[in-house]
Amino acid sequence: MTADNKPRLARLTALVTQLQSGRLITARAMAQQHGVSIRTIYRDIRTLEQSGIPIVTEEGKGYSLVDGYNLPPVMFSEEEANALITAEQLIARNQDQSLAEQYHRAITKIKSVLKHTQQEKTELLTERLQIRSDRPPEISSHHLMNLQSAITNYQVVELDYTSLSGKRSQRAVEPFALYSTQGNWILVAFCRLRSDFRAFRLDYIQLLRVSNQSFEPHAITLQEYFEQCRKKCLPTPDIPLSSALPNLAENQNHILMQTVKIEPFQIIGISVRTTNENGQAAQDIGQLWNKFMSENVQGKIPNKVDGIVYSLYTDYEGDHTQPYTTILGCKVNSLDKIPEEMVGRSFDGGNYAKTTAKGDLAKGLIINHWSKIWETELARRYTADFEVYGAKAMNPSDAEVDFLVAVE
């Protein structure tokens, strides 16, 4: 059944549910959602008012229910109930314990208003549904719910925070927004200590206290914040939003970076699974380079775009401290022919932070530069990072190598 021929009773019930959300809803928005004319919505609103539903009309803005008016529990369809049960499994695997606990309490209340037949089905689905991954769920924070309340109530929060580089500090911040990336929750807040917006990973918050002090809402949207980050080349946690580019280099361990857009690409080469722990990567990647050079792997790669060599890092199990895959190879225009003992991969591209290192490859140029990158606290995506060995890298004692790190 389409929206056009949906029974009027079902549409009226859906309209009441929308109005119960507590926000103003325009007639145009309701008409578009239900596939009817605005005039039909006007008639439906009058019908609801005549039946005793207290609807508030704000001219030019929309409709809502009178504050404090409660309706009987909403009934869920079987598909809606199943979606809630599935979401419970997904949220249980998130890394913030407070979110998992509060959702479990909420879903328990929701289950209590379901029909007996629906309750039986949801219990069966719960037993037959499991979300699996390569790693067990890791609880790393318990602050999400408190921060959400602080955001909506405009309350100052006091943090005892340890940065990704291990520096500990106490901050009073004005919470602005939250977002999640690569399983990590990030708080965007105005830091009173730095007089600027900063981003803080929740799992690096050692102590958190929501104070009774309030603050004035900030005249900026989350999308505008991200746009300013991109323009300032600051897609990084705990880096000032308004710094100029020279200060950015100073704040990021003297590394000058720029944000670039990388188009999707394909690569063929040889690979190894490794980890930075205990210096294992230096040994594994060194052996991979020896094989790449001694066996002329570059000359055997079909469909090369050019002769530039890429050292690419992907398939991260977490951040840079966890195992990952290194691929040495070249960009290609086709993966139709992948020689034996080689691998071929496609990558989506996206936003990258680009930096360049110059010096002697034999004196640890690459690992030393990566060590600096790890301390910059970039909001990394851990999808595919790489080094580029072009014409300027041909002299090992005076090489120039580009580093590109995937960021939000």
Protein backbone atom coordinates (compact mmCIF):
# COMPACT_ATOMS: atom_id res chain seq x y z
CA MET A 1 0.00 0.00 0.00
CA THR A 2 1.42 3.39 -1.00
CA ALA A 3 1.19 6.67 0.87
CA ASP A 4 -1.42 7.87 -1.64
CA ASN A 5 -3.98 5.22 -0.73
CA LYS A 6 -3.08 4.72 2.94
CA PRO A 7 -6.30 4.59 5.04
CA ARG A 8 -7.08 7.91 6.66
CA LEU A 9 -7.19 6.39 10.16
CA ALA A 10 -3.62 5.14 9.78
CA ARG A 11 -2.51 8.57 8.55
CA LEU A 12 -4.22 10.34 11.46
CA THR A 13 -2.50 8.01 13.93
CA ALA A 14 0.85 8.68 12.29
CA LEU A 15 0.23 12.44 12.44
CA VAL A 16 -0.46 12.26 16.18
CA THR A 17 2.78 10.33 16.65
CA GLN A 18 4.68 13.03 14.75
CA LEU A 19 3.10 15.82 16.77
CA GLN A 20 3.96 14.01 19.98
CA SER A 21 7.68 14.44 19.19
CA GLY A 22 7.53 17.88 20.82
CA ARG A 23 8.87 19.91 17.90
CA LEU A 24 7.08 22.12 15.40
CA ILE A 25 6.15 20.30 12.20
CA THR A 26 5.00 22.12 9.09
CA ALA A 27 2.01 21.06 7.04
CA ARG A 28 4.26 20.81 4.00
CA ALA A 29 6.59 18.36 5.78
CA MET A 30 3.64 16.20 6.86
CA ALA A 31 2.15 16.30 3.39
CA GLN A 32 5.41 15.22 1.78
CA GLN A 33 5.91 12.37 4.25
CA HIS A 34 2.43 10.96 3.74
CA GLY A 35 2.12 11.64 0.04
CA VAL A 36 -0.96 13.85 0.26
CA SER A 37 -1.78 17.48 -0.42
CA ILE A 38 -1.31 20.27 2.10
CA ARG A 39 -5.07 20.86 1.98
CA THR A 40 -5.59 17.24 3.09
CA ILE A 41 -3.25 17.83 6.05
CA TYR A 42 -5.28 20.92 7.04
CA ARG A 43 -8.44 18.78 7.07
CA ASP A 44 -6.67 16.09 9.12
CA ILE A 45 -5.54 18.66 11.70
CA ARG A 46 -9.11 19.96 12.07
CA THR A 47 -10.36 16.38 12.52
CA LEU A 48 -7.81 15.73 15.26
CA GLU A 49 -8.73 18.99 17.01
CA GLN A 50 -12.43 18.10 16.87
CA SER A 51 -11.66 14.71 18.45
CA GLY A 52 -10.10 16.43 21.48
CA ILE A 53 -6.40 16.39 20.60
CA PRO A 54 -4.96 19.73 21.88
CA ILE A 55 -2.91 20.96 18.91
CA VAL A 56 -0.99 24.23 19.03
CA THR A 57 -0.79 26.17 15.77
CA GLU A 58 1.99 28.72 15.25
CA GLU A 59 1.27 30.72 12.13
CA GLY A 60 3.97 30.35 9.53
CA LYS A 61 5.88 27.83 11.64
CA GLY A 62 3.86 24.66 12.12
CA TYR A 63 2.00 22.46 14.57
CA SER A 64 2.72 20.73 17.89
CA LEU A 65 0.86 19.25 20.85
CA VAL A 66 0.13 21.23 24.00
CA ASP A 67 3.08 20.85 26.38
CA GLY A 68 2.40 18.16 28.98
CA TYR A 69 -0.32 16.37 27.04
CA ASN A 70 0.29 12.62 27.08
CA LEU A 71 -1.07 10.05 24.67
CA PRO A 72 -1.44 6.32 25.24
CA PRO A 73 1.65 4.21 24.43
CA VAL A 74 2.47 4.06 20.74
CA MET A 75 1.99 0.65 19.15
CA PHE A 76 4.85 -0.70 17.05
CA SER A 77 4.64 -2.71 13.87
CA GLU A 78 6.51 -6.01 13.76
CA GLU A 79 9.18 -4.49 11.50
CA GLU A 80 9.64 -1.50 13.86
CA ALA A 81 9.97 -3.80 16.88
CA ASN A 82 12.53 -5.93 15.04
CA ALA A 83 14.52 -2.83 14.14
CA LEU A 84 14.67 -1.85 17.81
CA ILE A 85 15.89 -5.33 18.82
CA THR A 86 18.58 -5.22 16.13
CA ALA A 87 19.68 -1.76 17.27
CA GLU A 88 20.00 -3.11 20.81
CA GLN A 89 22.57 -5.66 19.61
CA LEU A 90 24.51 -3.01 17.68
CA ILE A 91 24.54 -0.51 20.54
CA ALA A 92 25.66 -3.21 22.98
CA ARG A 93 28.91 -3.41 20.99
CA ASN A 94 29.65 0.31 21.06
CA GLN A 95 32.56 1.49 23.19
CA ASP A 96 30.63 3.70 25.62
CA GLN A 97 29.06 1.83 28.53
CA SER A 98 26.59 4.57 29.46
CA LEU A 99 24.97 4.41 26.01
CA ALA A 100 24.60 0.62 26.21
CA GLU A 101 23.11 0.80 29.71
CA GLN A 102 20.59 3.55 28.94
CA TYR A 103 19.49 1.96 25.68
CA HIS A 104 18.95 -1.36 27.47
CA ARG A 105 16.71 0.40 30.02
CA ALA A 106 14.80 2.16 27.25
CA ILE A 107 14.28 -0.98 25.20
CA THR A 108 13.00 -2.80 28.30
CA LYS A 109 10.32 -0.13 28.70
CA ILE A 110 9.45 -0.33 25.02
CA LYS A 111 9.08 -4.11 25.18
CA SER A 112 6.62 -3.69 28.05
CA VAL A 113 4.09 -1.89 25.80
CA LEU A 114 4.24 -4.44 23.00
CA LYS A 115 1.43 -6.90 22.43
CA HIS A 116 1.96 -10.36 23.92
CA THR A 117 2.41 -11.84 20.46
CA GLN A 118 5.02 -9.17 19.64
CA GLN A 119 6.83 -9.82 22.93
CA GLU A 120 7.13 -13.51 22.09
CA LYS A 121 8.51 -12.70 18.67
CA THR A 122 11.02 -10.15 19.97
CA GLU A 123 12.26 -12.64 22.58
CA LEU A 124 12.72 -15.22 19.82
CA LEU A 125 14.55 -12.72 17.62
CA THR A 126 16.80 -11.69 20.53
CA GLU A 127 17.84 -15.33 20.95
CA ARG A 128 18.42 -15.79 17.21
CA LEU A 129 20.27 -12.52 16.49
CA GLN A 130 23.97 -11.94 17.09
CA ILE A 131 26.30 -9.19 15.88
CA ARG A 132 29.79 -10.60 15.38
CA SER A 133 33.13 -9.01 14.55
CA ASP A 134 36.80 -9.93 14.57
CA ARG A 135 37.29 -8.27 17.94
CA PRO A 136 35.22 -8.47 21.14
CA PRO A 137 33.42 -5.29 22.21
CA GLU A 138 35.77 -2.95 24.08
CA ILE A 139 34.30 -0.60 26.68
CA SER A 140 36.55 2.45 26.76
CA SER A 141 34.35 5.24 28.15
CA HIS A 142 31.32 5.91 30.33
CA HIS A 143 30.70 9.57 29.57
CA LEU A 144 28.41 9.76 26.52
CA MET A 145 25.08 10.13 28.32
CA ASN A 146 26.37 12.81 30.72
CA LEU A 147 27.83 14.78 27.83
CA GLN A 148 24.61 14.55 25.83
CA SER A 149 22.71 16.05 28.76
CA ALA A 150 25.35 18.76 29.19
CA ILE A 151 25.02 19.68 25.50
CA THR A 152 21.24 20.04 25.62
CA ASN A 153 21.24 21.85 28.98
CA TYR A 154 24.22 24.13 28.14
CA GLN A 155 26.21 23.07 31.21
CA VAL A 156 29.95 23.58 31.65
CA VAL A 157 31.90 20.34 32.02
CA GLU A 158 35.20 19.92 33.86
CA LEU A 159 37.62 17.37 32.37
CA ASP A 160 40.76 15.64 33.51
CA TYR A 161 42.10 14.82 30.05
CA THR A 162 45.10 12.96 28.67
CA SER A 163 45.93 13.80 25.04
CA LEU A 164 46.98 11.22 22.46
CA SER A 165 50.59 12.28 23.06
CA GLY A 166 50.24 11.52 26.79
CA LYS A 167 49.98 15.12 28.08
CA ARG A 168 47.58 15.48 31.01
CA SER A 169 45.58 18.64 31.69
CA GLN A 170 42.47 19.94 33.43
CA ARG A 171 39.92 21.71 31.28
CA ALA A 172 36.64 23.54 31.74
CA VAL A 173 34.74 23.17 28.48
CA GLU A 174 31.41 24.15 26.95
CA PRO A 175 30.13 20.98 25.22
CA PHE A 176 28.98 21.62 21.67
CA ALA A 177 28.60 18.33 19.76
CA LEU A 178 29.44 14.63 19.64
CA TYR A 179 30.40 12.42 16.74
CA SER A 180 31.68 8.88 16.32
CA THR A 181 34.45 7.66 14.02
CA GLN A 182 36.23 4.31 13.84
CA GLY A 183 34.41 3.23 17.01
CA ASN A 184 35.66 6.25 19.00
CA TRP A 185 33.33 8.94 20.38
CA ILE A 186 34.62 12.51 19.98
CA LEU A 187 33.45 15.53 21.99
CA VAL A 188 33.62 18.93 20.27
CA ALA A 189 33.67 21.67 22.90
CA PHE A 190 34.74 25.25 23.48
CA CYS A 191 37.77 25.02 25.77
CA ARG A 192 37.94 27.91 28.23
CA LEU A 193 41.63 27.25 28.87
CA ARG A 194 42.51 27.71 25.18
CA SER A 195 39.64 30.11 24.31
CA ASP A 196 38.86 28.05 21.22
CA PHE A 197 37.01 24.97 20.01
CA ARG A 198 38.77 21.66 20.65
CA ALA A 199 37.93 18.01 20.07
CA PHE A 200 38.41 15.39 22.80
CA ARG A 201 38.24 11.60 22.54
CA LEU A 202 35.94 10.24 25.24
CA ASP A 203 38.21 7.29 25.98
CA TYR A 204 40.99 9.76 26.89
CA ILE A 205 38.86 11.54 29.48
CA GLN A 206 40.12 10.35 32.87
CA LEU A 207 37.58 12.21 35.02
CA LEU A 208 34.44 14.16 34.10
CA ARG A 209 32.19 16.38 36.20
CA VAL A 210 29.13 18.23 34.95
CA SER A 211 28.99 21.55 36.83
CA ASN A 212 25.99 23.68 37.74
CA GLN A 213 27.42 26.55 35.68
CA SER A 214 25.68 27.29 32.38
CA PHE A 215 26.89 28.99 29.21
CA GLU A 216 25.39 30.83 26.26
CA PRO A 217 24.75 28.68 23.14
CA HIS A 218 27.36 29.05 20.40
CA ALA A 219 26.23 30.56 17.11
CA ILE A 220 27.66 27.81 14.91
CA THR A 221 26.35 24.52 13.53
CA LEU A 222 28.21 21.23 13.58
CA GLN A 223 28.49 21.30 9.80
CA GLU A 224 29.99 24.80 9.96
CA TYR A 225 32.51 23.52 12.52
CA PHE A 226 33.61 20.74 10.17
CA GLU A 227 33.82 23.17 7.25
CA GLN A 228 36.08 25.48 9.27
CA CYS A 229 38.22 22.49 10.24
CA ARG A 230 38.71 21.59 6.60
CA LYS A 231 39.51 25.18 5.61
CA LYS A 232 42.03 25.52 8.42
CA CYS A 233 43.46 22.06 7.78
CA LEU A 234 42.50 21.07 11.33
CA PRO A 235 40.66 17.74 11.24
CA THR A 236 42.35 16.97 14.55
CA PRO A 237 41.32 16.31 18.15
CA ASP A 238 42.67 18.84 20.67
CA ILE A 239 44.05 21.30 18.09
CA PRO A 240 42.80 24.96 18.00
CA LEU A 241 40.07 25.63 15.44
CA SER A 242 41.11 29.18 14.64
CA SER A 243 44.89 28.80 14.37
CA ALA A 244 46.55 30.18 11.28
CA LEU A 245 48.63 27.83 9.16
CA PRO A 246 52.06 28.82 10.64
CA ASN A 247 50.74 28.16 14.16
CA LEU A 248 49.35 24.85 12.98
CA ALA A 249 52.86 23.71 12.04
CA GLU A 250 54.12 24.74 15.46
CA ASN A 251 51.27 23.05 17.31
CA GLN A 252 51.68 19.83 15.37
CA ASN A 253 55.27 19.08 16.35
CA HIS A 254 56.67 21.32 13.58
CA ILE A 255 54.92 19.36 10.83
CA LEU A 256 53.29 21.51 8.16
CA MET A 257 50.20 19.81 6.74
CA GLN A 258 47.62 20.58 4.13
CA THR A 259 44.28 18.91 3.48
CA VAL A 260 43.90 17.35 0.04
CA LYS A 261 41.23 15.32 -1.70
CA ILE A 262 42.36 11.93 -3.02
CA GLU A 263 40.30 10.29 -5.75
CA PRO A 264 39.51 6.53 -5.63
CA PHE A 265 42.42 4.42 -6.82
CA GLN A 266 43.64 0.84 -7.33
CA ILE A 267 46.98 -0.68 -6.44
CA ILE A 268 48.83 -3.94 -7.12
CA GLY A 269 51.87 -5.05 -5.16
CA ILE A 270 53.20 -7.33 -2.44
CA SER A 271 52.02 -7.22 1.17
CA VAL A 272 52.77 -8.21 4.74
CA ARG A 273 50.71 -8.22 7.94
CA THR A 274 52.60 -6.46 10.73
CA THR A 275 52.43 -4.30 13.87
CA ASN A 276 54.37 -1.37 15.28
CA GLU A 277 54.68 -3.14 18.62
CA ASN A 278 58.25 -3.89 19.71
CA GLY A 279 59.63 -2.57 16.42
CA GLN A 280 58.17 -5.49 14.44
CA ALA A 281 57.04 -3.26 11.54
CA ALA A 282 60.58 -2.02 10.90
CA GLN A 283 61.74 -5.60 10.41
CA ASP A 284 58.75 -6.80 8.37
CA ILE A 285 58.54 -3.76 6.11
CA GLY A 286 62.31 -3.76 5.63
CA GLN A 287 62.14 -7.35 4.38
CA LEU A 288 59.20 -6.40 2.14
CA TRP A 289 61.26 -3.59 0.57
CA ASN A 290 64.17 -5.99 0.02
CA LYS A 291 61.88 -8.38 -1.82
CA PHE A 292 60.31 -5.54 -3.80
CA MET A 293 63.72 -4.35 -5.02
CA SER A 294 65.59 -7.66 -5.43
CA GLU A 295 62.78 -9.37 -7.35
CA ASN A 296 61.93 -6.33 -9.50
CA VAL A 297 58.30 -6.43 -8.36
CA GLN A 298 57.69 -2.99 -9.83
CA GLY A 299 58.55 -4.22 -13.32
CA LYS A 300 56.14 -7.16 -13.00
CA ILE A 301 53.06 -5.11 -12.06
CA PRO A 302 50.60 -5.01 -15.02
CA ASN A 303 48.51 -2.00 -16.02
CA LYS A 304 50.64 0.53 -14.11
CA VAL A 305 49.51 4.14 -14.23
CA ASP A 306 53.11 5.35 -13.78
CA GLY A 307 56.36 4.34 -12.13
CA ILE A 308 55.68 5.90 -8.71
CA VAL A 309 55.96 3.46 -5.80
CA TYR A 310 53.49 3.54 -2.94
CA SER A 311 53.94 2.14 0.55
CA LEU A 312 50.35 1.77 1.70
CA TYR A 313 48.98 0.89 5.14
CA THR A 314 45.48 -0.51 5.52
CA ASP A 315 43.24 -3.10 7.25
CA TYR A 316 43.91 -1.56 10.65
CA GLU A 317 42.51 -3.51 13.60
CA GLY A 318 42.27 -0.25 15.54
CA ASP A 319 44.67 2.69 15.62
CA HIS A 320 48.36 2.70 14.65
CA THR A 321 49.25 0.64 17.74
CA GLN A 322 47.25 -2.33 16.43
CA PRO A 323 48.10 -4.78 13.59
CA TYR A 324 47.72 -3.60 9.99
CA THR A 325 48.68 -4.56 6.43
CA THR A 326 51.46 -2.93 4.40
CA ILE A 327 51.34 -3.04 0.60
CA LEU A 328 54.28 -2.02 -1.60
CA GLY A 329 53.21 -1.44 -5.18
CA CYS A 330 52.04 0.90 -7.90
CA LYS A 331 48.74 2.45 -8.89
CA VAL A 332 47.05 0.60 -11.75
CA ASN A 333 44.10 1.28 -14.04
CA SER A 334 42.78 -2.27 -13.81
CA LEU A 335 42.76 -5.21 -11.40
CA ASP A 336 41.91 -7.71 -14.12
CA LYS A 337 45.37 -9.27 -13.99
CA ILE A 338 46.97 -9.77 -10.58
CA PRO A 339 50.17 -11.86 -10.70
CA GLU A 340 50.60 -14.74 -8.29
CA GLU A 341 52.09 -13.78 -4.91
CA MET A 342 50.78 -10.22 -5.40
CA VAL A 343 47.65 -8.51 -4.12
CA GLY A 344 45.30 -6.04 -5.76
CA ARG A 345 43.12 -3.61 -3.86
CA SER A 346 40.68 -0.78 -4.53
CA PHE A 347 40.43 2.23 -2.23
CA ASP A 348 37.74 4.91 -1.98
CA GLY A 349 40.00 7.92 -1.53
CA GLY A 350 38.65 10.86 0.48
CA ASN A 351 40.11 13.60 2.69
CA TYR A 352 43.83 13.33 3.48
CA ALA A 353 46.34 15.31 5.52
CA LYS A 354 49.49 15.67 3.43
CA THR A 355 52.98 16.28 4.77
CA THR A 356 56.49 15.88 3.33
CA ALA A 357 59.72 14.60 4.86
CA LYS A 358 63.21 15.26 3.50
CA GLY A 359 66.43 13.51 4.46
CA ASP A 360 68.37 10.25 4.49
CA LEU A 361 66.23 7.13 4.16
CA ALA A 362 68.99 5.05 5.77
CA LYS A 363 68.87 7.19 8.91
CA GLY A 364 65.27 6.48 9.87
CA LEU A 365 63.60 9.27 7.89
CA ILE A 366 60.33 7.34 7.47
CA ILE A 367 59.81 5.99 10.99
CA ASN A 368 60.91 9.28 12.55
CA HIS A 369 58.36 11.20 10.51
CA TRP A 370 55.60 8.72 11.33
CA SER A 371 56.44 9.13 15.02
CA LYS A 372 55.78 12.87 14.64
CA ILE A 373 52.52 12.20 12.78
CA TRP A 374 51.33 9.89 15.57
CA GLU A 375 51.76 12.77 18.02
CA THR A 376 49.72 15.29 15.99
CA GLU A 377 46.41 13.84 17.18
CA LEU A 378 44.86 13.80 13.70
CA ALA A 379 41.23 12.65 13.55
CA ARG A 380 42.29 9.68 11.47
CA ARG A 381 39.96 7.31 9.62
CA TYR A 382 42.44 4.39 9.54
CA THR A 383 41.26 3.29 6.10
CA ALA A 384 44.37 3.63 3.93
CA ASP A 385 47.45 5.78 4.61
CA PHE A 386 50.48 5.84 2.33
CA GLU A 387 53.88 7.21 1.41
CA VAL A 388 54.69 8.29 -2.14
CA TYR A 389 58.12 7.55 -3.62
CA GLY A 390 58.37 9.61 -6.79
CA ALA A 391 61.29 11.15 -8.69
CA LYS A 392 62.40 13.20 -5.65
CA ALA A 393 62.88 9.99 -3.63
CA MET A 394 65.36 8.40 -6.03
CA ASN A 395 68.39 9.69 -4.10
CA PRO A 396 68.22 7.71 -0.80
CA SER A 397 70.59 10.05 1.03
CA ASP A 398 68.57 13.15 0.11
CA ALA A 399 65.06 11.82 -0.48
CA GLU A 400 61.78 13.73 -0.46
CA VAL A 401 58.78 11.56 0.47
CA ASP A 402 55.12 12.58 0.71
CA PHE A 403 52.99 11.17 3.52
CA LEU A 404 49.21 11.06 3.16
CA VAL A 405 47.02 10.23 6.15
CA ALA A 406 43.27 9.59 5.81
CA VAL A 407 41.28 12.00 7.99
CA GLU A 408 37.64 12.88 8.65
